[in-house]
PDB file of N, CA and C in Angstrom:
ATOM      1  N   UNK A   1      95.579 111.750  75.522  1.00  0.00           N
ATOM      2  CA  UNK A   1      95.979 111.090  76.104  1.00  0.00           C
ATOM      3  C   UNK A   1      96.369 111.952  78.084  1.00  0.00           C
ATOM      4  N   UNK A   2      96.048 111.123  78.764  1.00  0.00           N
ATOM      5  CA  UNK A   2      95.997 112.158  80.046  1.00  0.00           C
ATOM      6  C   UNK A   2      97.090 112.368  80.637  1.00  0.00           C
ATOM      7  N   UNK A   3      97.408 113.562  81.335  1.00  0.00           N
ATOM      8  CA  UNK A   3      98.982 113.665  82.204  1.00  0.00           C
ATOM      9  C   UNK A   3      98.808 113.083  83.727  1.00  0.00           C
ATOM     10  N   UNK A   4     100.151 112.261  83.383  1.00  0.00           N
ATOM     11  CA  UNK A   4      99.740 111.490  84.877  1.00  0.00           C
ATOM     12  C   UNK A   4     101.279 112.475  85.905  1.00  0.00           C
ATOM     13  N   UNK A   5     100.126 112.578  87.006  1.00  0.00           N
ATOM     14  CA  UNK A   5     101.399 112.896  87.906  1.00  0.00           C
ATOM     15  C   UNK A   5     102.072 112.445  88.757  1.00  0.00           C
ATOM     16  N   UNK A   6     103.627 112.467  88.654  1.00  0.00           N
ATOM     17  CA  UNK A   6     104.851 112.415  89.148  1.00  0.00           C
ATOM     18  C   UNK A   6     105.103 112.985  90.868  1.00  0.00           C
ATOM     19  N   UNK A   7     104.751 112.012  91.813  1.00  0.00           N
ATOM     20  CA  UNK A   7     104.744 112.250  93.034  1.00  0.00           C
ATOM     21  C   UNK A   7     106.040 113.206  93.523  1.00  0.00           C
ATOM     22  N   UNK A   8     105.883 113.925  94.747  1.00  0.00           N
ATOM     23  CA  UNK A   8     107.254 114.651  94.787  1.00  0.00           C
ATOM     24  C   UNK A   8     108.274 113.668  95.754  1.00  0.00           C
ATOM     25  N   UNK A   9     108.187 112.705  96.479  1.00  0.00           N
ATOM     26  CA  UNK A   9     108.583 111.396  97.020  1.00  0.00           C
ATOM     27  C   UNK A   9     108.893 109.891  96.520  1.00  0.00           C
ATOM     28  N   UNK A  10     110.137 109.490  95.948  1.00  0.00           N
ATOM     29  CA  UNK A  10     109.561 108.639  95.465  1.00  0.00           C
ATOM     30  C   UNK A  10     110.639 106.755  96.082  1.00  0.00           C
ATOM     31  N   UNK A  11     110.609 105.687  95.717  1.00  0.00           N
ATOM     32  CA  UNK A  11     111.283 104.995  96.227  1.00  0.00           C
ATOM     33  C   UNK A  11     111.696 103.312  95.425  1.00  0.00           C
ATOM     34  N   UNK A  12     112.897 103.290  95.088  1.00  0.00           N
ATOM     35  CA  UNK A  12     112.718 101.873  93.968  1.00  0.00           C
ATOM     36  C   UNK A  12     113.173 100.790  95.108  1.00  0.00           C
ATOM     37  N   UNK A  13     113.033 100.418  95.026  1.00  0.00           N
ATOM     38  CA  UNK A  13     113.389  98.787  95.516  1.00  0.00           C
ATOM     39  C   UNK A  13     113.361  97.388  95.014  1.00  0.00           C
ATOM     40  N   UNK A  14     114.532  97.148  94.957  1.00  0.00           N
ATOM     41  CA  UNK A  14     114.618  95.575  93.981  1.00  0.00           C
ATOM     42  C   UNK A  14     115.315  94.855  95.359  1.00  0.00           C
ATOM     43  N   UNK A  15     113.875  93.346  95.382  1.00  0.00           N
ATOM     44  CA  UNK A  15     114.158  92.658  96.804  1.00  0.00           C
ATOM     45  C   UNK A  15     114.910  91.207  96.617  1.00  0.00           C
ATOM     46  N   UNK A  16     116.178  92.104  97.136  1.00  0.00           N
ATOM     47  CA  UNK A  16     117.032  90.908  97.064  1.00  0.00           C
ATOM     48  C   UNK A  16     117.822  91.164  98.115  1.00  0.00           C
ATOM     49  N   UNK A  17     117.800  89.981  99.370  1.00  0.00           N
ATOM     50  CA  UNK A  17     116.630  89.175  99.120  1.00  0.00           C
ATOM     51  C   UNK A  17     115.207  89.264  99.255  1.00  0.00           C
ATOM     52  N   UNK A  18     114.297  88.412  98.778  1.00  0.00           N
ATOM     53  CA  UNK A  18     112.973  88.453  98.797  1.00  0.00           C
ATOM     54  C   UNK A  18     113.208  88.686 100.394  1.00  0.00           C
ATOM     55  N   UNK A  19     112.201  90.003 100.718  1.00  0.00           N
ATOM     56  CA  UNK A  19     111.898  90.193 102.313  1.00  0.00           C
ATOM     57  C   UNK A  19     111.098  91.611 101.713  1.00  0.00           C
ATOM     58  N   UNK A  20     110.743  92.219 103.639  1.00  0.00           N
ATOM     59  CA  UNK A  20     109.661  93.187 103.887  1.00  0.00           C
ATOM     60  C   UNK A  20     110.689  94.153 103.831  1.00  0.00           C
ATOM     61  N   UNK A  21     110.102  95.303 103.176  1.00  0.00           N
ATOM     62  CA  UNK A  21     110.757  96.550 102.931  1.00  0.00           C
ATOM     63  C   UNK A  21     110.012  97.638 103.629  1.00  0.00           C
ATOM     64  N   UNK A  22     109.585  98.465 104.229  1.00  0.00           N
ATOM     65  CA  UNK A  22     109.220  99.531 104.794  1.00  0.00           C
ATOM     66  C   UNK A  22     109.645 100.577 103.657  1.00  0.00           C
ATOM     67  N   UNK A  23     108.655 101.442 103.131  1.00  0.00           N
ATOM     68  CA  UNK A  23     108.594 102.575 101.998  1.00  0.00           C
ATOM     69  C   UNK A  23     107.970 103.570 103.268  1.00  0.00           C
ATOM     70  N   UNK A  24     107.068 103.956 104.046  1.00  0.00           N
ATOM     71  CA  UNK A  24     106.656 105.193 104.564  1.00  0.00           C
ATOM     72  C   UNK A  24     105.995 104.256 106.214  1.00  0.00           C
ATOM     73  N   UNK A  25     107.091 105.191 106.684  1.00  0.00           N
ATOM     74  CA  UNK A  25     106.457 105.076 107.866  1.00  0.00           C
ATOM     75  C   UNK A  25     105.218 105.250 108.798  1.00  0.00           C
ATOM     76  N   UNK A  26     104.332 105.124 109.202  1.00  0.00           N
ATOM     77  CA  UNK A  26     102.937 105.148 109.781  1.00  0.00           C
ATOM     78  C   UNK A  26     103.485 106.506 110.223  1.00  0.00           C
ATOM     79  N   UNK A  27     104.443 107.044 110.983  1.00  0.00           N
ATOM     80  CA  UNK A  27     104.391 108.386 111.565  1.00  0.00           C
ATOM     81  C   UNK A  27     104.716 109.890 110.686  1.00  0.00           C
ATOM     82  N   UNK A  28     105.429 109.324 109.590  1.00  0.00           N
ATOM     83  CA  UNK A  28     105.465 110.119 108.663  1.00  0.00           C
ATOM     84  C   UNK A  28     104.263 110.710 107.818  1.00  0.00           C
ATOM     85  N   UNK A  29     103.401 109.932 107.699  1.00  0.00           N
ATOM     86  CA  UNK A  29     102.245 109.497 106.902  1.00  0.00           C
ATOM     87  C   UNK A  29     100.685 110.661 107.980  1.00  0.00           C
ATOM     88  N   UNK A  30     101.489 112.012 108.362  1.00  0.00           N
ATOM     89  CA  UNK A  30     100.314 112.431 109.344  1.00  0.00           C
ATOM     90  C   UNK A  30      98.662 112.863 108.545  1.00  0.00           C
ATOM     91  N   UNK A  31      98.877 113.334 107.452  1.00  0.00           N
ATOM     92  CA  UNK A  31      97.433 113.690 107.241  1.00  0.00           C
ATOM     93  C   UNK A  31      97.045 113.205 105.831  1.00  0.00           C
ATOM     94  N   UNK A  32      97.562 111.840 105.240  1.00  0.00           N
ATOM     95  CA  UNK A  32      97.172 110.783 103.981  1.00  0.00           C
ATOM     96  C   UNK A  32      98.249 111.361 103.738  1.00  0.00           C
ATOM     97  N   UNK A  33      98.416 110.255 102.340  1.00  0.00           N
ATOM     98  CA  UNK A  33      99.147 110.624 100.956  1.00  0.00           C
ATOM     99  C   UNK A  33      98.845 110.244  99.733  1.00  0.00           C
ATOM    100  N   UNK A  34      98.986 110.107  98.850  1.00  0.00           N
ATOM    101  CA  UNK A  34      98.719 109.643  97.360  1.00  0.00           C
ATOM    102  C   UNK A  34      99.378 109.201  96.923  1.00  0.00           C
ATOM    103  N   UNK A  35      99.776 107.605  96.629  1.00  0.00           N
ATOM    104  CA  UNK A  35     100.636 107.114  95.529  1.00  0.00           C
ATOM    105  C   UNK A  35     100.241 107.375  94.343  1.00  0.00           C
ATOM    106  N   UNK A  36     100.874 108.651  93.467  1.00  0.00           N
ATOM    107  CA  UNK A  36     100.835 108.994  92.111  1.00  0.00           C
ATOM    108  C   UNK A  36     101.353 107.681  90.881  1.00  0.00           C
ATOM    109  N   UNK A  37     102.639 107.260  91.367  1.00  0.00           N
ATOM    110  CA  UNK A  37     102.769 106.390  90.106  1.00  0.00           C
ATOM    111  C   UNK A  37     103.024 104.902  90.213  1.00  0.00           C
ATOM    112  N   UNK A  38     103.351 103.939  90.035  1.00  0.00           N
ATOM    113  CA  UNK A  38     103.353 102.653  90.650  1.00  0.00           C
ATOM    114  C   UNK A  38     103.949 101.668  89.517  1.00  0.00           C
ATOM    115  N   UNK A  39     104.926 100.599  89.703  1.00  0.00           N
ATOM    116  CA  UNK A  39     105.373  99.530  88.928  1.00  0.00           C
ATOM    117  C   UNK A  39     105.488  98.913  89.852  1.00  0.00           C
ATOM    118  N   UNK A  40     105.929  97.425  89.597  1.00  0.00           N
ATOM    119  CA  UNK A  40     105.605  96.172  90.121  1.00  0.00           C
ATOM    120  C   UNK A  40     106.660  94.988  88.930  1.00  0.00           C
ATOM    121  N   UNK A  41     107.075  95.083  89.240  1.00  0.00           N
ATOM    122  CA  UNK A  41     107.718  93.469  88.455  1.00  0.00           C
ATOM    123  C   UNK A  41     108.054  92.664  89.030  1.00  0.00           C
ATOM    124  N   UNK A  42     107.498  91.420  88.992  1.00  0.00           N
ATOM    125  CA  UNK A  42     107.494  90.364  89.647  1.00  0.00           C
ATOM    126  C   UNK A  42     108.171  89.595  89.608  1.00  0.00           C
ATOM    127  N   UNK A  43     109.260  89.289  88.517  1.00  0.00           N
ATOM    128  CA  UNK A  43     110.371  88.339  88.365  1.00  0.00           C
ATOM    129  C   UNK A  43     109.012  87.036  87.999  1.00  0.00           C
ATOM    130  N   UNK A  44     109.390  85.932  88.344  1.00  0.00           N
ATOM    131  CA  UNK A  44     108.736  84.870  88.518  1.00  0.00           C
ATOM    132  C   UNK A  44     108.091  84.554  90.114  1.00  0.00           C
ATOM    133  N   UNK A  45     107.844  85.329  90.932  1.00  0.00           N
ATOM    134  CA  UNK A  45     107.221  85.358  92.086  1.00  0.00           C
ATOM    135  C   UNK A  45     106.046  85.910  92.167  1.00  0.00           C
ATOM    136  N   UNK A  46     105.665  86.336  93.158  1.00  0.00           N
ATOM    137  CA  UNK A  46     104.864  87.575  93.932  1.00  0.00           C
ATOM    138  C   UNK A  46     105.456  88.358  94.589  1.00  0.00           C
ATOM    139  N   UNK A  47     104.494  90.219  94.429  1.00  0.00           N
ATOM    140  CA  UNK A  47     105.266  90.934  95.105  1.00  0.00           C
ATOM    141  C   UNK A  47     103.809  91.904  95.321  1.00  0.00           C
ATOM    142  N   UNK A  48     104.181  92.534  96.680  1.00  0.00           N
ATOM    143  CA  UNK A  48     102.778  93.006  97.056  1.00  0.00           C
ATOM    144  C   UNK A  48     102.908  94.094  97.524  1.00  0.00           C
ATOM    145  N   UNK A  49     102.073  95.493  97.496  1.00  0.00           N
ATOM    146  CA  UNK A  49     102.365  96.557  98.328  1.00  0.00           C
ATOM    147  C   UNK A  49     101.323  96.563  99.254  1.00  0.00           C
ATOM    148  N   UNK A  50     101.780  96.741 100.863  1.00  0.00           N
ATOM    149  CA  UNK A  50     100.627  96.732 101.916  1.00  0.00           C
ATOM    150  C   UNK A  50     100.493  98.233 102.221  1.00  0.00           C
ATOM    151  N   UNK A  51      99.306  98.321 103.036  1.00  0.00           N
ATOM    152  CA  UNK A  51      98.921  99.557 103.830  1.00  0.00           C
ATOM    153  C   UNK A  51      99.044  98.861 105.580  1.00  0.00           C
ATOM    154  N   UNK A  52      98.904  99.974 106.227  1.00  0.00           N
ATOM    155  CA  UNK A  52      98.520  99.591 107.588  1.00  0.00           C
ATOM    156  C   UNK A  52      99.290 100.456 108.773  1.00  0.00           C
ATOM    157  N   UNK A  53      98.991  99.697 109.700  1.00  0.00           N
ATOM    158  CA  UNK A  53      99.699 100.108 110.975  1.00  0.00           C
ATOM    159  C   UNK A  53     101.081 100.050 111.508  1.00  0.00           C
ATOM    160  N   UNK A  54     101.309  98.511 111.105  1.00  0.00           N
ATOM    161  CA  UNK A  54     102.107  97.674 110.975  1.00  0.00           C
ATOM    162  C   UNK A  54     102.565  96.927 109.967  1.00  0.00           C
ATOM    163  N   UNK A  55     103.888  96.552 110.139  1.00  0.00           N
ATOM    164  CA  UNK A  55     104.448  95.568 108.662  1.00  0.00           C
ATOM    165  C   UNK A  55     104.083  93.759 108.685  1.00  0.00           C
ATOM    166  N   UNK A  56     103.380  93.770 107.391  1.00  0.00           N
ATOM    167  CA  UNK A  56     103.071  92.407 107.046  1.00  0.00           C
ATOM    168  C   UNK A  56     104.315  91.396 107.522  1.00  0.00           C
ATOM    169  N   UNK A  57     103.986  90.554 107.690  1.00  0.00           N
ATOM    170  CA  UNK A  57     104.754  89.406 108.122  1.00  0.00           C
ATOM    171  C   UNK A  57     105.985  89.333 106.873  1.00  0.00           C
ATOM    172  N   UNK A  58     104.847  89.333 105.540  1.00  0.00           N
ATOM    173  CA  UNK A  58     105.986  88.518 104.485  1.00  0.00           C
ATOM    174  C   UNK A  58     104.270  88.789 103.448  1.00  0.00           C
ATOM    175  N   UNK A  59     104.245  88.067 101.715  1.00  0.00           N
ATOM    176  CA  UNK A  59     104.118  88.441 101.288  1.00  0.00           C
ATOM    177  C   UNK A  59     102.690  87.516 101.195  1.00  0.00           C
ATOM    178  N   UNK A  60     102.462  86.732 102.175  1.00  0.00           N
ATOM    179  CA  UNK A  60     100.727  85.961 102.611  1.00  0.00           C
ATOM    180  C   UNK A  60     100.064  86.132 103.380  1.00  0.00           C
ATOM    181  N   UNK A  61     100.511  87.746 104.150  1.00  0.00           N
ATOM    182  CA  UNK A  61      99.725  88.416 105.638  1.00  0.00           C
ATOM    183  C   UNK A  61      98.484  88.647 105.173  1.00  0.00           C
ATOM    184  N   UNK A  62      97.640  87.810 105.841  1.00  0.00           N
ATOM    185  CA  UNK A  62      96.314  88.159 105.467  1.00  0.00           C
ATOM    186  C   UNK A  62      95.800  88.868 106.336  1.00  0.00           C
ATOM    187  N   UNK A  63      96.552  89.755 107.072  1.00  0.00           N
ATOM    188  CA  UNK A  63      95.955  90.095 108.221  1.00  0.00           C
ATOM    189  C   UNK A  63      95.752  91.890 107.886  1.00  0.00           C
ATOM    190  N   UNK A  64      96.798  92.525 106.832  1.00  0.00           N
ATOM    191  CA  UNK A  64      97.139  93.631 106.786  1.00  0.00           C
ATOM    192  C   UNK A  64      96.671  93.874 105.019  1.00  0.00           C
ATOM    193  N   UNK A  65      96.473  94.983 104.702  1.00  0.00           N
ATOM    194  CA  UNK A  65      95.616  95.187 103.556  1.00  0.00           C
ATOM    195  C   UNK A  65      96.379  95.051 102.637  1.00  0.00           C
ATOM    196  N   UNK A  66      96.525  94.541 101.375  1.00  0.00           N
ATOM    197  CA  UNK A  66      97.326  94.801 100.211  1.00  0.00           C
ATOM    198  C   UNK A  66      96.859  95.284  99.177  1.00  0.00           C
ATOM    199  N   UNK A  67      97.306  96.655  98.679  1.00  0.00           N
ATOM    200  CA  UNK A  67      96.467  97.478  97.807  1.00  0.00           C
ATOM    201  C   UNK A  67      96.830  97.409  96.995  1.00  0.00           C
ATOM    202  N   UNK A  68      97.777  97.245  96.068  1.00  0.00           N
ATOM    203  CA  UNK A  68      98.743  96.734  94.636  1.00  0.00           C
ATOM    204  C   UNK A  68      99.540  95.345  94.814  1.00  0.00           C
ATOM    205  N   UNK A  69      99.641  94.590  94.106  1.00  0.00           N
ATOM    206  CA  UNK A  69      99.765  93.382  93.535  1.00  0.00           C
ATOM    207  C   UNK A  69     100.001  92.630  92.588  1.00  0.00           C
ATOM    208  N   UNK A  70     101.098  92.153  92.130  1.00  0.00           N
ATOM    209  CA  UNK A  70     101.287  90.964  90.516  1.00  0.00           C
ATOM    210  C   UNK A  70     101.798  89.697  91.260  1.00  0.00           C
ATOM    211  N   UNK A  71     102.036  88.887  90.292  1.00  0.00           N
ATOM    212  CA  UNK A  71     102.540  87.479  89.806  1.00  0.00           C
ATOM    213  C   UNK A  71     103.208  87.231  88.920  1.00  0.00           C
ATOM    214  N   UNK A  72     104.348  87.320  89.063  1.00  0.00           N
ATOM    215  CA  UNK A  72     104.755  87.249  87.512  1.00  0.00           C
ATOM    216  C   UNK A  72     104.768  85.066  86.609  1.00  0.00           C
ATOM    217  N   UNK A  73     105.140  85.097  85.605  1.00  0.00           N
ATOM    218  CA  UNK A  73     105.403  84.104  84.637  1.00  0.00           C
ATOM    219  C   UNK A  73     106.066  83.030  86.093  1.00  0.00           C
ATOM    220  N   UNK A  74     105.361  81.738  85.182  1.00  0.00           N
ATOM    221  CA  UNK A  74     106.216  81.193  86.078  1.00  0.00           C
ATOM    222  C   UNK A  74     107.618  80.394  86.088  1.00  0.00           C
ATOM    223  N   UNK A  75     107.957  80.706  85.130  1.00  0.00           N
ATOM    224  CA  UNK A  75     109.487  80.827  84.250  1.00  0.00           C
ATOM    225  C   UNK A  75     110.474  81.205  84.810  1.00  0.00           C
ATOM    226  N   UNK A  76     111.440  80.708  85.331  1.00  0.00           N
ATOM    227  CA  UNK A  76     112.391  81.435  85.824  1.00  0.00           C
ATOM    228  C   UNK A  76     113.078  82.377  84.409  1.00  0.00           C
ATOM    229  N   UNK A  77     113.768  83.490  84.784  1.00  0.00           N
ATOM    230  CA  UNK A  77     113.841  84.851  83.963  1.00  0.00           C
ATOM    231  C   UNK A  77     113.133  85.047  82.981  1.00  0.00           C
ATOM    232  N   UNK A  78     112.029  84.894  82.764  1.00  0.00           N
ATOM    233  CA  UNK A  78     110.742  85.608  82.669  1.00  0.00           C
ATOM    234  C   UNK A  78     110.358  86.938  83.323  1.00  0.00           C
ATOM    235  N   UNK A  79     109.903  87.605  82.766  1.00  0.00           N
ATOM    236  CA  UNK A  79     109.547  88.899  82.976  1.00  0.00           C
ATOM    237  C   UNK A  79     108.426  89.734  83.364  1.00  0.00           C
ATOM    238  N   UNK A  80     107.614  90.534  84.039  1.00  0.00           N
ATOM    239  CA  UNK A  80     106.625  90.941  83.511  1.00  0.00           C
ATOM    240  C   UNK A  80     106.758  92.044  84.566  1.00  0.00           C
ATOM    241  N   UNK A  81     106.007  93.432  83.760  1.00  0.00           N
ATOM    242  CA  UNK A  81     105.286  94.660  84.629  1.00  0.00           C
ATOM    243  C   UNK A  81     103.965  94.989  84.900  1.00  0.00           C
ATOM    244  N   UNK A  82     103.679  95.492  85.903  1.00  0.00           N
ATOM    245  CA  UNK A  82     102.494  95.967  86.089  1.00  0.00           C
ATOM    246  C   UNK A  82     102.782  97.258  86.685  1.00  0.00           C
ATOM    247  N   UNK A  83     101.439  98.191  85.475  1.00  0.00           N
ATOM    248  CA  UNK A  83     101.567  99.954  86.214  1.00  0.00           C
ATOM    249  C   UNK A  83     100.019  99.935  86.728  1.00  0.00           C
ATOM    250  N   UNK A  84     100.188 100.656  87.861  1.00  0.00           N
ATOM    251  CA  UNK A  84      99.290 100.525  89.137  1.00  0.00           C
ATOM    252  C   UNK A  84      98.346 101.896  88.119  1.00  0.00           C
ATOM    253  N   UNK A  85      96.875 101.424  87.746  1.00  0.00           N
ATOM    254  CA  UNK A  85      96.407 102.281  86.740  1.00  0.00           C
ATOM    255  C   UNK A  85      95.812 103.503  87.501  1.00  0.00           C
ATOM    256  N   UNK A  86      95.419 103.826  88.437  1.00  0.00           N
ATOM    257  CA  UNK A  86      95.601 104.679  89.053  1.00  0.00           C
ATOM    258  C   UNK A  86      95.778 105.513  90.154  1.00  0.00           C
ATOM    259  N   UNK A  87      95.855 106.763  90.540  1.00  0.00           N
ATOM    260  CA  UNK A  87      96.467 106.683  92.017  1.00  0.00           C
ATOM    261  C   UNK A  87      95.525 106.520  92.882  1.00  0.00           C
ATOM    262  N   UNK A  88      96.220 106.463  94.094  1.00  0.00           N
ATOM    263  CA  UNK A  88      95.617 105.606  95.640  1.00  0.00           C
ATOM    264  C   UNK A  88      95.926 106.491  96.149  1.00  0.00           C
ATOM    265  N   UNK A  89      95.034 106.492  97.452  1.00  0.00           N
ATOM    266  CA  UNK A  89      95.429 107.481  98.553  1.00  0.00           C
ATOM    267  C   UNK A  89      94.712 106.403  99.983  1.00  0.00           C
ATOM    268  N   UNK A  90      95.973 106.866 100.625  1.00  0.00           N
ATOM    269  CA  UNK A  90      96.277 106.104 101.882  1.00  0.00           C
ATOM    270  C   UNK A  90      96.342 107.183 103.223  1.00  0.00           C
ATOM    271  N   UNK A  91      94.851 106.505 103.768  1.00  0.00           N
ATOM    272  CA  UNK A  91      94.691 107.054 104.982  1.00  0.00           C
ATOM    273  C   UNK A  91      96.056 107.957 106.245  1.00  0.00           C
ATOM    274  N   UNK A  92      95.826 108.748 106.597  1.00  0.00           N
ATOM    275  CA  UNK A  92      96.969 109.315 107.784  1.00  0.00           C
ATOM    276  C   UNK A  92      96.991 108.084 108.638  1.00  0.00           C
ATOM    277  N   UNK A  93      98.101 107.899 109.162  1.00  0.00           N
ATOM    278  CA  UNK A  93      98.367 106.861 110.040  1.00  0.00           C
ATOM    279  C   UNK A  93      98.512 105.287 110.204  1.00  0.00           C
ATOM    280  N   UNK A  94      98.701 105.461 108.271  1.00  0.00           N
ATOM    281  CA  UNK A  94      98.652 103.855 107.621  1.00  0.00           C
ATOM    282  C   UNK A  94     100.439 104.336 106.775  1.00  0.00           C
ATOM    283  N   UNK A  95     101.050 103.575 106.995  1.00  0.00           N
ATOM    284  CA  UNK A  95     102.401 102.785 106.435  1.00  0.00           C
ATOM    285  C   UNK A  95     102.350 102.165 105.103  1.00  0.00           C
ATOM    286  N   UNK A  96     103.511 102.297 104.013  1.00  0.00           N
ATOM    287  CA  UNK A  96     103.301 101.252 103.033  1.00  0.00           C
ATOM    288  C   UNK A  96     104.442 100.134 103.365  1.00  0.00           C
ATOM    289  N   UNK A  97     104.502  99.250 103.157  1.00  0.00           N
ATOM    290  CA  UNK A  97     105.181  98.303 102.930  1.00  0.00           C
ATOM    291  C   UNK A  97     105.555  97.363 101.456  1.00  0.00           C
ATOM    292  N   UNK A  98     106.174  96.743 101.229  1.00  0.00           N
ATOM    293  CA  UNK A  98     106.448  96.222  99.800  1.00  0.00           C
ATOM    294  C   UNK A  98     106.934  94.913 100.576  1.00  0.00           C
ATOM    295  N   UNK A  99     106.562  93.560 100.023  1.00  0.00           N
ATOM    296  CA  UNK A  99     106.608  92.348 100.500  1.00  0.00           C
ATOM    297  C   UNK A  99     106.799  91.063  99.191  1.00  0.00           C
ATOM    298  N   UNK A 100     107.755  90.205  99.465  1.00  0.00           N
ATOM    299  CA  UNK A 100     107.969  89.905  97.998  1.00  0.00           C
ATOM    300  C   UNK A 100     108.292  88.332  98.258  1.00  0.00           C
ATOM    301  N   UNK A 101     108.176  87.331  97.797  1.00  0.00           N
ATOM    302  CA  UNK A 101     109.070  85.948  97.970  1.00  0.00           C
ATOM    303  C   UNK A 101     110.037  85.233  96.518  1.00  0.00           C
ATOM    304  N   UNK A 102     110.507  86.287  95.875  1.00  0.00           N
ATOM    305  CA  UNK A 102     111.698  86.155  94.978  1.00  0.00           C
ATOM    306  C   UNK A 102     112.625  87.187  95.231  1.00  0.00           C
ATOM    307  N   UNK A 103     113.670  86.800  94.854  1.00  0.00           N
ATOM    308  CA  UNK A 103     114.744  87.750  95.265  1.00  0.00           C
ATOM    309  C   UNK A 103     114.652  89.439  94.006  1.00  0.00           C
ATOM    310  N   UNK A 104     114.533  88.716  93.297  1.00  0.00           N
ATOM    311  CA  UNK A 104     114.505  89.627  91.623  1.00  0.00           C
ATOM    312  C   UNK A 104     113.486  90.729  91.666  1.00  0.00           C
ATOM    313  N   UNK A 105     112.515  90.512  92.551  1.00  0.00           N
ATOM    314  CA  UNK A 105     111.074  91.262  92.769  1.00  0.00           C
ATOM    315  C   UNK A 105     111.290  92.583  92.513  1.00  0.00           C
ATOM    316  N   UNK A 106     110.744  94.164  92.110  1.00  0.00           N
ATOM    317  CA  UNK A 106     111.063  94.818  92.412  1.00  0.00           C
ATOM    318  C   UNK A 106     109.736  96.191  92.414  1.00  0.00           C
ATOM    319  N   UNK A 107     109.515  97.068  92.917  1.00  0.00           N
ATOM    320  CA  UNK A 107     109.148  98.036  92.898  1.00  0.00           C
ATOM    321  C   UNK A 107     109.437  99.486  92.385  1.00  0.00           C
ATOM    322  N   UNK A 108     108.933 100.174  92.203  1.00  0.00           N
ATOM    323  CA  UNK A 108     109.436 101.818  91.305  1.00  0.00           C
ATOM    324  C   UNK A 108     107.422 102.015  92.202  1.00  0.00           C
ATOM    325  N   UNK A 109     107.682 103.303  93.051  1.00  0.00           N
ATOM    326  CA  UNK A 109     106.917 104.217  93.883  1.00  0.00           C
ATOM    327  C   UNK A 109     107.120 106.049  93.550  1.00  0.00           C
ATOM    328  N   UNK A 110     106.136 106.746  93.368  1.00  0.00           N
ATOM    329  CA  UNK A 110     105.946 107.898  93.530  1.00  0.00           C
ATOM    330  C   UNK A 110     104.366 108.228  94.586  1.00  0.00           C
ATOM    331  N   UNK A 111     104.756 109.170  95.320  1.00  0.00           N
ATOM    332  CA  UNK A 111     103.901 109.860  96.528  1.00  0.00           C
ATOM    333  C   UNK A 111     103.983 110.862  96.488  1.00  0.00           C
ATOM    334  N   UNK A 112     103.018 111.898  96.871  1.00  0.00           N
ATOM    335  CA  UNK A 112     102.980 113.031  97.549  1.00  0.00           C
ATOM    336  C   UNK A 112     102.321 112.950  99.178  1.00  0.00           C
ATOM    337  N   UNK A 113     102.863 113.194 100.492  1.00  0.00           N
ATOM    338  CA  UNK A 113     102.260 114.075 101.573  1.00  0.00           C
ATOM    339  C   UNK A 113     101.120 114.433 101.568  1.00  0.00           C
ATOM    340  N   UNK A 114     100.046 115.017 102.492  1.00  0.00           N
ATOM    341  CA  UNK A 114      98.912 115.579 101.725  1.00  0.00           C
ATOM    342  C   UNK A 114      99.404 116.732 103.485  1.00  0.00           C
ATOM    343  N   UNK A 115      98.472 117.795 103.414  1.00  0.00           N
ATOM    344  CA  UNK A 115      98.760 119.005 103.957  1.00  0.00           C
ATOM    345  C   UNK A 115      97.966 118.653 105.092  1.00  0.00           C
TER     346      UNK A 115
END
């Protein structure tokens, strides 16, 4: 089994109400960052992690890069969880946002800012 590094910074967000939440401001990401661990629990809807220089308008915004996403079972009250399989590098000047279309969706991330 391989050791997985947990990032120095973290954010756990439950999307109640369903909305767009800023995780990392683009101005904070001056030299790039690496998302070390990621977990999405989409509940019975959809949740997406976006990168870019500005926030997405919502979960279906095709003008922003979606870098990790999950769709849940259609049955209310059912649950699923998705683990990010590998670390992700995000270029300097790019921020992170999460968007969901249901209030019970959640995301948990850890990351490191590069020097």
